[in-house]
Structures are given as structure tokens and as C-alpha cells.
N, C-alpha and C. Protein backbone atom coordinates (compact mmCIF):
# COMPACT_ATOMS: atom_id res chain seq x y z
N MET A 1 18.32 -1.56 4.24
CA MET A 1 18.54 -0.56 3.22
C MET A 1 18.57 -1.18 1.81
N GLU A 2 19.13 -2.37 1.72
CA GLU A 2 19.19 -3.04 0.43
C GLU A 2 17.80 -3.39 -0.09
N GLY A 3 16.90 -3.79 0.84
CA GLY A 3 15.52 -4.09 0.45
C GLY A 3 14.82 -2.87 -0.10
N LYS A 4 15.05 -1.71 0.49
CA LYS A 4 14.45 -0.46 0.01
C LYS A 4 14.96 -0.12 -1.38
N LYS A 5 16.26 -0.32 -1.61
CA LYS A 5 16.83 -0.03 -2.94
C LYS A 5 16.22 -0.96 -3.99
N LYS A 6 16.10 -2.25 -3.67
CA LYS A 6 15.47 -3.19 -4.61
C LYS A 6 14.03 -2.77 -4.90
N ALA A 7 13.31 -2.40 -3.85
CA ALA A 7 11.91 -1.99 -4.03
C ALA A 7 11.82 -0.72 -4.87
N ASP A 8 12.72 0.22 -4.62
CA ASP A 8 12.74 1.45 -5.42
C ASP A 8 13.05 1.14 -6.89
N ASP A 9 13.97 0.20 -7.13
CA ASP A 9 14.31 -0.18 -8.50
C ASP A 9 13.12 -0.80 -9.22
N VAL A 10 12.40 -1.67 -8.52
CA VAL A 10 11.22 -2.31 -9.11
C VAL A 10 10.14 -1.27 -9.38
N ALA A 11 9.93 -0.37 -8.43
CA ALA A 11 8.93 0.69 -8.62
C ALA A 11 9.30 1.56 -9.82
N PHE A 12 10.58 1.87 -9.97
CA PHE A 12 11.03 2.68 -11.11
C PHE A 12 10.77 1.94 -12.42
N MET A 13 11.14 0.65 -12.47
CA MET A 13 10.93 -0.13 -13.71
C MET A 13 9.45 -0.22 -14.05
N LEU A 14 8.61 -0.45 -13.03
CA LEU A 14 7.17 -0.50 -13.27
C LEU A 14 6.66 0.84 -13.77
N GLY A 15 7.17 1.91 -13.21
CA GLY A 15 6.81 3.25 -13.67
C GLY A 15 7.16 3.47 -15.13
N GLN A 16 8.33 2.95 -15.54
CA GLN A 16 8.74 3.08 -16.94
C GLN A 16 7.84 2.27 -17.88
N VAL A 17 7.45 1.08 -17.44
CA VAL A 17 6.53 0.26 -18.24
C VAL A 17 5.19 0.97 -18.37
N LEU A 18 4.69 1.50 -17.26
CA LEU A 18 3.43 2.23 -17.32
C LEU A 18 3.53 3.44 -18.23
N LYS A 19 4.68 4.10 -18.20
CA LYS A 19 4.89 5.28 -19.06
C LYS A 19 4.79 4.90 -20.53
N THR A 20 5.35 3.74 -20.91
CA THR A 20 5.25 3.32 -22.31
C THR A 20 3.82 2.97 -22.69
N MET A 21 3.00 2.65 -21.67
CA MET A 21 1.58 2.36 -21.93
C MET A 21 0.74 3.64 -21.93
N GLY A 22 1.38 4.78 -21.67
CA GLY A 22 0.64 6.03 -21.63
C GLY A 22 0.00 6.32 -20.29
N ILE A 23 0.46 5.62 -19.24
CA ILE A 23 -0.08 5.81 -17.89
C ILE A 23 0.96 6.58 -17.09
N LYS A 24 0.57 7.74 -16.59
CA LYS A 24 1.51 8.60 -15.88
C LYS A 24 1.40 8.41 -14.37
N VAL A 25 2.49 7.95 -13.76
CA VAL A 25 2.53 7.81 -12.31
C VAL A 25 2.63 9.21 -11.70
N GLY A 26 1.85 9.46 -10.68
CA GLY A 26 1.80 10.76 -10.03
C GLY A 26 0.60 11.59 -10.47
N ASP A 27 -0.09 11.14 -11.51
CA ASP A 27 -1.29 11.82 -12.00
C ASP A 27 -2.50 11.23 -11.28
N PRO A 28 -3.25 12.03 -10.53
CA PRO A 28 -4.40 11.49 -9.77
C PRO A 28 -5.43 10.78 -10.64
N ASP A 29 -5.53 11.16 -11.90
CA ASP A 29 -6.51 10.53 -12.79
C ASP A 29 -5.95 9.30 -13.50
N SER A 30 -4.66 9.04 -13.38
CA SER A 30 -4.04 7.93 -14.08
C SER A 30 -3.51 6.88 -13.10
N TRP A 31 -2.49 7.24 -12.32
CA TRP A 31 -1.92 6.35 -11.32
C TRP A 31 -1.30 7.22 -10.24
N PRO A 32 -2.06 7.52 -9.17
CA PRO A 32 -1.64 8.53 -8.20
C PRO A 32 -0.33 8.25 -7.48
N GLN A 33 -0.10 6.99 -7.06
CA GLN A 33 1.05 6.74 -6.21
C GLN A 33 1.67 5.39 -6.51
N LEU A 34 3.00 5.35 -6.53
CA LEU A 34 3.75 4.12 -6.73
C LEU A 34 5.08 4.31 -6.01
N THR A 35 5.29 3.58 -4.92
CA THR A 35 6.52 3.77 -4.15
C THR A 35 7.11 2.43 -3.73
N GLY A 36 8.42 2.40 -3.64
CA GLY A 36 9.12 1.24 -3.13
C GLY A 36 9.17 1.30 -1.62
N ARG A 37 9.00 0.16 -1.00
CA ARG A 37 9.03 0.08 0.46
C ARG A 37 9.79 -1.17 0.87
N ALA A 38 10.21 -1.20 2.12
CA ALA A 38 10.84 -2.40 2.67
C ALA A 38 10.34 -2.58 4.10
N SER A 39 10.11 -3.84 4.47
CA SER A 39 9.68 -4.13 5.83
C SER A 39 10.88 -4.00 6.77
N LEU A 40 10.63 -4.10 8.05
CA LEU A 40 11.72 -4.04 9.02
C LEU A 40 12.73 -5.16 8.80
N SER A 41 12.26 -6.29 8.26
CA SER A 41 13.16 -7.41 7.99
C SER A 41 13.98 -7.19 6.72
N GLY A 42 13.66 -6.13 5.97
CA GLY A 42 14.40 -5.84 4.74
C GLY A 42 13.75 -6.39 3.49
N GLU A 43 12.59 -7.04 3.63
CA GLU A 43 11.89 -7.60 2.47
C GLU A 43 11.34 -6.48 1.60
N PRO A 44 11.75 -6.44 0.32
CA PRO A 44 11.27 -5.35 -0.56
C PRO A 44 9.83 -5.56 -0.99
N SER A 45 9.11 -4.46 -1.19
CA SER A 45 7.76 -4.50 -1.73
C SER A 45 7.48 -3.19 -2.45
N VAL A 46 6.44 -3.18 -3.24
CA VAL A 46 6.05 -1.97 -3.96
C VAL A 46 4.62 -1.64 -3.58
N PHE A 47 4.39 -0.42 -3.11
CA PHE A 47 3.05 0.05 -2.79
C PHE A 47 2.46 0.66 -4.05
N LEU A 48 1.37 0.09 -4.51
CA LEU A 48 0.76 0.53 -5.77
C LEU A 48 -0.21 1.68 -5.58
N GLY A 49 -0.71 1.88 -4.37
CA GLY A 49 -1.69 2.93 -4.14
C GLY A 49 -3.03 2.52 -4.74
N SER A 50 -3.96 3.45 -4.74
CA SER A 50 -5.26 3.18 -5.36
C SER A 50 -5.18 3.60 -6.83
N VAL A 51 -5.75 2.77 -7.67
CA VAL A 51 -5.67 3.00 -9.11
C VAL A 51 -7.08 3.24 -9.64
N PRO A 52 -7.29 4.33 -10.38
CA PRO A 52 -8.62 4.58 -10.96
C PRO A 52 -9.06 3.44 -11.87
N LEU A 53 -10.35 3.17 -11.89
CA LEU A 53 -10.90 2.06 -12.66
C LEU A 53 -10.50 2.09 -14.14
N PRO A 54 -10.55 3.23 -14.84
CA PRO A 54 -10.15 3.21 -16.26
C PRO A 54 -8.70 2.75 -16.45
N THR A 55 -7.82 3.13 -15.53
CA THR A 55 -6.43 2.70 -15.63
C THR A 55 -6.32 1.20 -15.38
N ALA A 56 -7.03 0.70 -14.37
CA ALA A 56 -7.00 -0.73 -14.08
C ALA A 56 -7.53 -1.54 -15.27
N LYS A 57 -8.58 -1.05 -15.91
CA LYS A 57 -9.13 -1.72 -17.09
C LYS A 57 -8.12 -1.73 -18.23
N LYS A 58 -7.41 -0.62 -18.43
CA LYS A 58 -6.41 -0.53 -19.50
C LYS A 58 -5.30 -1.55 -19.26
N ILE A 59 -4.85 -1.67 -18.02
CA ILE A 59 -3.79 -2.63 -17.70
C ILE A 59 -4.29 -4.05 -17.87
N ALA A 60 -5.50 -4.34 -17.41
CA ALA A 60 -6.05 -5.68 -17.56
C ALA A 60 -6.18 -6.06 -19.03
N ASN A 61 -6.67 -5.15 -19.85
CA ASN A 61 -6.81 -5.42 -21.28
C ASN A 61 -5.45 -5.66 -21.93
N THR A 62 -4.45 -4.89 -21.53
CA THR A 62 -3.11 -5.06 -22.07
C THR A 62 -2.54 -6.42 -21.71
N LEU A 63 -2.74 -6.83 -20.45
CA LEU A 63 -2.24 -8.14 -20.01
C LEU A 63 -2.94 -9.28 -20.73
N VAL A 64 -4.24 -9.17 -20.92
CA VAL A 64 -4.99 -10.21 -21.64
C VAL A 64 -4.50 -10.28 -23.09
N TYR A 65 -4.30 -9.14 -23.72
CA TYR A 65 -3.81 -9.11 -25.10
C TYR A 65 -2.42 -9.74 -25.18
N ALA A 66 -1.53 -9.37 -24.26
CA ALA A 66 -0.16 -9.91 -24.28
C ALA A 66 -0.18 -11.42 -24.09
N GLU A 67 -1.02 -11.91 -23.21
CA GLU A 67 -1.11 -13.35 -22.99
C GLU A 67 -1.66 -14.06 -24.23
N SER A 68 -2.64 -13.46 -24.91
CA SER A 68 -3.18 -14.10 -26.11
C SER A 68 -2.14 -14.13 -27.23
N VAL A 69 -1.33 -13.08 -27.34
CA VAL A 69 -0.27 -13.08 -28.34
C VAL A 69 0.76 -14.15 -28.01
N ARG A 70 1.13 -14.23 -26.73
CA ARG A 70 2.12 -15.23 -26.31
C ARG A 70 1.62 -16.64 -26.62
N ARG A 71 0.36 -16.91 -26.33
CA ARG A 71 -0.18 -18.25 -26.58
C ARG A 71 -0.29 -18.55 -28.07
N SER A 72 -0.57 -17.54 -28.87
CA SER A 72 -0.70 -17.78 -30.32
C SER A 72 0.66 -18.07 -30.96
N GLN A 73 1.74 -17.70 -30.29
CA GLN A 73 3.08 -17.92 -30.82
C GLN A 73 3.70 -19.23 -30.34
N GLU A 74 3.02 -19.91 -29.41
CA GLU A 74 3.53 -21.20 -28.93
C GLU A 74 3.39 -22.25 -30.00
N PRO A 75 4.37 -23.16 -30.09
CA PRO A 75 4.28 -24.21 -31.12
C PRO A 75 3.23 -25.25 -30.81
């Protein structure tokens, strides 16, 4: 049960991050499904579902931009 709670918490936090990026979880055209799961051993995981290509591209571009900003700020 604890693994499921951790997975649900991570899924919620990821959903909030996506929301700030303008990506709506539950929208078939944006990000249809995002759920927390736990294995029988209690290991938490997050099921991302299938993500439409435009959404995947938006996330990839955001990650590349964030990494370039981080590297430009290194001494």
C-alpha cells in the first residue's frame, strides 16, 4: 500500500509539472493517462500511457532547453 501511495504522489507531482507546461493530463490530445501503480512487491512506478507525438516533442524541447540553461550557468 505504501508503494501505491508513493507512486500516486509522484504521478500527482508529474501532473502538476505538466500542467505548468500547458499539458493537460486526461486530455486524449495532450496526455491521455497518467497513473501511479505498485508491483506486488510494493515497488512504486508511474504508468505514463501513450503520449501523442506533439506532446512528446514539447516535453523533449523543454528538457533540452532546461539542460542548455543549466549548462550555461555552470562556472
